[in-house]
C-alpha atoms as a PDB file:
ATOM      1  CA  MET A   1     -12.459 -28.324  41.319  1.00  0.00           C
ATOM      2  CA  ASP A   2     -13.398 -31.310  43.468  1.00  0.00           C
ATOM      3  CA  THR A   3     -10.885 -33.946  42.361  1.00  0.00           C
ATOM      4  CA  SER A   4     -12.232 -36.565  44.760  1.00  0.00           C
ATOM      5  CA  ARG A   5     -15.657 -36.279  43.108  1.00  0.00           C
ATOM      6  CA  ARG A   6     -14.029 -36.420  39.657  1.00  0.00           C
ATOM      7  CA  ASP A   7     -12.057 -39.521  40.613  1.00  0.00           C
ATOM      8  CA  GLN A   8     -15.229 -41.128  41.982  1.00  0.00           C
ATOM      9  CA  TRP A   9     -17.036 -40.564  38.656  1.00  0.00           C
ATOM     10  CA  LEU A  10     -14.036 -41.866  36.689  1.00  0.00           C
ATOM     11  CA  ARG A  11     -13.919 -45.045  38.761  1.00  0.00           C
ATOM     12  CA  GLN A  12     -17.664 -45.512  38.386  1.00  0.00           C
ATOM     13  CA  LEU A  13     -17.357 -44.963  34.651  1.00  0.00           C
ATOM     14  CA  TYR A  14     -14.591 -47.545  34.405  1.00  0.00           C
ATOM     15  CA  GLY A  15     -16.807 -50.138  36.093  1.00  0.00           C
ATOM     16  CA  GLN A  16     -19.716 -49.271  33.819  1.00  0.00           C
ATOM     17  CA  LEU A  17     -17.572 -49.629  30.707  1.00  0.00           C
ATOM     18  CA  GLU A  18     -16.295 -52.988  31.960  1.00  0.00           C
ATOM     19  CA  MET A  19     -19.932 -54.135  32.300  1.00  0.00           C
ATOM     20  CA  PHE A  20     -21.048 -52.587  28.967  1.00  0.00           C
ATOM     21  CA  ASP A  21     -23.520 -50.458  30.941  1.00  0.00           C
ATOM     22  CA  ALA A  22     -25.327 -47.805  28.879  1.00  0.00           C
ATOM     23  CA  ASP A  23     -25.629 -45.653  32.033  1.00  0.00           C
ATOM     24  CA  ALA A  24     -22.001 -44.734  31.361  1.00  0.00           C
ATOM     25  CA  GLU A  25     -23.389 -41.858  29.291  1.00  0.00           C
ATOM     26  CA  LYS A  26     -25.014 -40.357  32.412  1.00  0.00           C
ATOM     27  CA  THR A  27     -21.748 -40.642  34.328  1.00  0.00           C
ATOM     28  CA  LEU A  28     -19.929 -38.890  31.483  1.00  0.00           C
ATOM     29  CA  SER A  29     -22.399 -36.002  31.788  1.00  0.00           C
ATOM     30  CA  ARG A  30     -21.509 -35.663  35.469  1.00  0.00           C
ATOM     31  CA  LEU A  31     -17.834 -35.456  34.569  1.00  0.00           C
ATOM     32  CA  ASP A  32     -18.285 -32.315  32.470  1.00  0.00           C
ATOM     33  CA  GLU A  33     -18.045 -29.983  35.453  1.00  0.00           C
ATOM     34  CA  HIS A  34     -15.196 -31.914  37.089  1.00  0.00           C
ATOM     35  CA  VAL A  35     -12.723 -32.196  34.205  1.00  0.00           C
ATOM     36  CA  VAL A  36     -10.704 -29.170  33.145  1.00  0.00           C
ATOM     37  CA  GLY A  37      -8.301 -28.580  30.306  1.00  0.00           C
ATOM     38  CA  ALA A  38      -8.827 -28.850  26.583  1.00  0.00           C
ATOM     39  CA  ALA A  39      -7.077 -32.208  26.246  1.00  0.00           C
ATOM     40  CA  CYS A  40      -9.113 -33.765  29.058  1.00  0.00           C
ATOM     41  CA  MET A  41     -12.388 -32.373  27.754  1.00  0.00           C
ATOM     42  CA  GLU A  42     -11.538 -33.722  24.297  1.00  0.00           C
ATOM     43  CA  GLN A  43     -11.111 -37.196  25.769  1.00  0.00           C
ATOM     44  CA  VAL A  44     -14.428 -36.924  27.632  1.00  0.00           C
ATOM     45  CA  MET A  45     -16.145 -35.896  24.389  1.00  0.00           C
ATOM     46  CA  ARG A  46     -14.466 -38.802  22.555  1.00  0.00           C
ATOM     47  CA  MET A  47     -15.690 -41.221  25.240  1.00  0.00           C
ATOM     48  CA  ARG A  48     -19.203 -39.842  24.939  1.00  0.00           C
ATOM     49  CA  ARG A  49     -19.191 -40.504  21.175  1.00  0.00           C
ATOM     50  CA  GLN A  50     -17.834 -44.002  21.759  1.00  0.00           C
ATOM     51  CA  VAL A  51     -20.445 -44.826  24.414  1.00  0.00           C
ATOM     52  CA  VAL A  52     -23.295 -43.535  22.255  1.00  0.00           C
ATOM     53  CA  GLN A  53     -22.052 -45.922  19.547  1.00  0.00           C
ATOM     54  CA  TYR A  54     -21.781 -48.743  22.147  1.00  0.00           C
ATOM     55  CA  ASP A  55     -18.026 -48.885  21.564  1.00  0.00           C
ATOM     56  CA  PHE A  56     -17.289 -49.649  25.209  1.00  0.00           C
ATOM     57  CA  ASP A  57     -13.866 -51.200  24.586  1.00  0.00           C
ATOM     58  CA  ASP A  58     -12.510 -48.086  22.874  1.00  0.00           C
ATOM     59  CA  ALA A  59     -14.227 -45.870  25.440  1.00  0.00           C
ATOM     60  CA  ARG A  60     -12.434 -47.793  28.185  1.00  0.00           C
ATOM     61  CA  GLU A  61      -9.097 -47.253  26.414  1.00  0.00           C
ATOM     62  CA  THR A  62      -9.849 -43.532  26.123  1.00  0.00           C
ATOM     63  CA  LEU A  63     -10.732 -43.453  29.816  1.00  0.00           C
ATOM     64  CA  LEU A  64      -7.475 -45.181  30.739  1.00  0.00           C
ATOM     65  CA  ALA A  65      -5.539 -42.581  28.719  1.00  0.00           C
ATOM     66  CA  LEU A  66      -7.386 -39.784  30.539  1.00  0.00           C
ATOM     67  CA  ALA A  67      -6.749 -41.426  33.912  1.00  0.00           C
ATOM     68  CA  LYS A  68      -3.048 -41.643  33.117  1.00  0.00           C
ATOM     69  CA  VAL A  69      -2.947 -37.901  32.407  1.00  0.00           C
ATOM     70  CA  LEU A  70      -4.736 -37.308  35.720  1.00  0.00           C
ATOM     71  CA  ASN A  71      -2.403 -39.727  37.532  1.00  0.00           C
ATOM     72  CA  LEU A  72      -5.314 -41.941  38.590  1.00  0.00           C
ATOM     73  CA  ALA A  73      -5.024 -45.738  38.640  1.00  0.00           C
ATOM     74  CA  LEU A  74      -8.207 -47.439  37.440  1.00  0.00           C
ATOM     75  CA  GLU A  75      -7.118 -50.896  36.386  1.00  0.00           C
ATOM     76  CA  THR A  76      -6.650 -53.734  38.785  1.00  0.00           C
ATOM     77  CA  ASP A  77      -4.325 -56.623  38.241  1.00  0.00           C
ATOM     78  CA  HIS A  78      -6.351 -59.288  36.439  1.00  0.00           C
ATOM     79  CA  GLY A  79      -3.378 -61.591  36.148  1.00  0.00           C
ATOM     80  CA  GLY A  80      -3.322 -61.274  32.388  1.00  0.00           C
END
């Protein structure tokens, strides 16, 4: 598995969710082949449902939970 590619898609997805970008669904499709494990795939599927329903805030929270499992920092310090 190419973790650098996976991390790239996850970072792109995070930015898309922050901008309420509907293209996040396309990025999620790319993640399918780069995320392994039942728990991780479940979170990707949950995010896909959330994005389809334009629930970007919850999708971002799901993504942050997935990133934590993968030991990947996505958030930057916004001072808040």
